[in-house]
Amino acid sequence: MTKLRDIDLLSAGVGVVIGMLVLAMG
């Protein structure tokens, strides 16, 4: 369960970072 939560947090964080980069480049 903990590992799954960690993966979810990491994936969410990566998604946010990508979104920020896209907005910055766009």
PDB file of N, CA and C in Angstrom:
ATOM      1  N   MET A   1       0.851  -1.205   0.000  1.00  0.00           N
ATOM      2  CA  MET A   1       0.000   0.000   0.000  1.00  0.00           C
ATOM      3  C   MET A   1       0.879   1.245   0.000  1.00  0.00           C
ATOM      4  N   THR A   2       1.882   1.259   0.864  1.00  0.00           N
ATOM      5  CA  THR A   2       2.745   2.442   0.955  1.00  0.00           C
ATOM      6  C   THR A   2       3.451   2.688  -0.375  1.00  0.00           C
ATOM      7  N   LYS A   3       3.938   1.603  -0.987  1.00  0.00           N
ATOM      8  CA  LYS A   3       4.647   1.746  -2.267  1.00  0.00           C
ATOM      9  C   LYS A   3       3.707   2.333  -3.314  1.00  0.00           C
ATOM     10  N   LEU A   4       2.464   1.830  -3.339  1.00  0.00           N
ATOM     11  CA  LEU A   4       1.499   2.337  -4.316  1.00  0.00           C
ATOM     12  C   LEU A   4       1.268   3.827  -4.097  1.00  0.00           C
ATOM     13  N   ARG A   5       1.149   4.228  -2.840  1.00  0.00           N
ATOM     14  CA  ARG A   5       0.919   5.650  -2.544  1.00  0.00           C
ATOM     15  C   ARG A   5       2.117   6.477  -2.999  1.00  0.00           C
ATOM     16  N   ASP A   6       3.327   5.958  -2.739  1.00  0.00           N
ATOM     17  CA  ASP A   6       4.533   6.684  -3.152  1.00  0.00           C
ATOM     18  C   ASP A   6       4.544   6.857  -4.662  1.00  0.00           C
ATOM     19  N   ILE A   7       4.192   5.793  -5.393  1.00  0.00           N
ATOM     20  CA  ILE A   7       4.178   5.857  -6.859  1.00  0.00           C
ATOM     21  C   ILE A   7       3.151   6.883  -7.313  1.00  0.00           C
ATOM     22  N   ASP A   8       1.991   6.901  -6.681  1.00  0.00           N
ATOM     23  CA  ASP A   8       0.950   7.861  -7.046  1.00  0.00           C
ATOM     24  C   ASP A   8       1.457   9.280  -6.829  1.00  0.00           C
ATOM     25  N   LEU A   9       2.123   9.517  -5.692  1.00  0.00           N
ATOM     26  CA  LEU A   9       2.645  10.861  -5.407  1.00  0.00           C
ATOM     27  C   LEU A   9       3.697  11.246  -6.431  1.00  0.00           C
ATOM     28  N   LEU A  10       4.577  10.301  -6.762  1.00  0.00           N
ATOM     29  CA  LEU A  10       5.645  10.587  -7.741  1.00  0.00           C
ATOM     30  C   LEU A  10       5.034  10.882  -9.097  1.00  0.00           C
ATOM     31  N   SER A  11       4.095  10.060  -9.527  1.00  0.00           N
ATOM     32  CA  SER A  11       3.470  10.261 -10.844  1.00  0.00           C
ATOM     33  C   SER A  11       2.743  11.599 -10.873  1.00  0.00           C
ATOM     34  N   ALA A  12       2.065  11.942  -9.779  1.00  0.00           N
ATOM     35  CA  ALA A  12       1.354  13.221  -9.715  1.00  0.00           C
ATOM     36  C   ALA A  12       2.352  14.368  -9.770  1.00  0.00           C
ATOM     37  N   GLY A  13       3.450  14.236  -9.036  1.00  0.00           N
ATOM     38  CA  GLY A  13       4.480  15.287  -9.034  1.00  0.00           C
ATOM     39  C   GLY A  13       5.066  15.462 -10.426  1.00  0.00           C
ATOM     40  N   VAL A  14       5.355  14.340 -11.098  1.00  0.00           N
ATOM     41  CA  VAL A  14       5.917  14.403 -12.453  1.00  0.00           C
ATOM     42  C   VAL A  14       4.923  15.079 -13.385  1.00  0.00           C
ATOM     43  N   GLY A  15       3.655  14.743 -13.256  1.00  0.00           N
ATOM     44  CA  GLY A  15       2.620  15.355 -14.105  1.00  0.00           C
ATOM     45  C   GLY A  15       2.579  16.857 -13.893  1.00  0.00           C
ATOM     46  N   VAL A  16       2.676  17.295 -12.650  1.00  0.00           N
ATOM     47  CA  VAL A  16       2.662  18.731 -12.351  1.00  0.00           C
ATOM     48  C   VAL A  16       3.878  19.408 -12.976  1.00  0.00           C
ATOM     49  N   VAL A  17       5.046  18.790 -12.832  1.00  0.00           N
ATOM     50  CA  VAL A  17       6.282  19.363 -13.394  1.00  0.00           C
ATOM     51  C   VAL A  17       6.159  19.484 -14.913  1.00  0.00           C
ATOM     52  N   ILE A  18       5.668  18.434 -15.560  1.00  0.00           N
ATOM     53  CA  ILE A  18       5.502  18.465 -17.024  1.00  0.00           C
ATOM     54  C   ILE A  18       4.525  19.572 -17.401  1.00  0.00           C
ATOM     55  N   GLY A  19       3.443  19.683 -16.656  1.00  0.00           N
ATOM     56  CA  GLY A  19       2.457  20.735 -16.938  1.00  0.00           C
ATOM     57  C   GLY A  19       3.098  22.110 -16.823  1.00  0.00           C
ATOM     58  N   MET A  20       3.908  22.317 -15.802  1.00  0.00           N
ATOM     59  CA  MET A  20       4.583  23.607 -15.627  1.00  0.00           C
ATOM     60  C   MET A  20       5.500  23.885 -16.812  1.00  0.00           C
ATOM     61  N   LEU A  21       6.268  22.877 -17.237  1.00  0.00           N
ATOM     62  CA  LEU A  21       7.191  23.044 -18.377  1.00  0.00           C
ATOM     63  C   LEU A  21       6.404  23.382 -19.637  1.00  0.00           C
ATOM     64  N   VAL A  22       5.298  22.691 -19.863  1.00  0.00           N
ATOM     65  CA  VAL A  22       4.484  22.946 -21.066  1.00  0.00           C
ATOM     66  C   VAL A  22       3.962  24.376 -21.039  1.00  0.00           C
ATOM     67  N   LEU A  23       3.473  24.817 -19.884  1.00  0.00           N
ATOM     68  CA  LEU A  23       2.961  26.185 -19.781  1.00  0.00           C
ATOM     69  C   LEU A  23       4.087  27.194 -19.986  1.00  0.00           C
ATOM     70  N   ALA A  24       5.253  26.911 -19.432  1.00  0.00           N
ATOM     71  CA  ALA A  24       6.389  27.826 -19.561  1.00  0.00           C
ATOM     72  C   ALA A  24       6.837  27.910 -21.027  1.00  0.00           C
ATOM     73  N   MET A  25       6.884  26.755 -21.713  1.00  0.00           N
ATOM     74  CA  MET A  25       7.323  26.738 -23.112  1.00  0.00           C
ATOM     75  C   MET A  25       6.227  27.281 -24.022  1.00  0.00           C
ATOM     76  N   GLY A  26       4.960  27.024 -23.651  1.00  0.00           N
ATOM     77  CA  GLY A  26       3.842  27.498 -24.474  1.00  0.00           C
ATOM     78  C   GLY A  26       3.659  28.969 -24.265  1.00  0.00           C
TER      79      GLY A  26
END
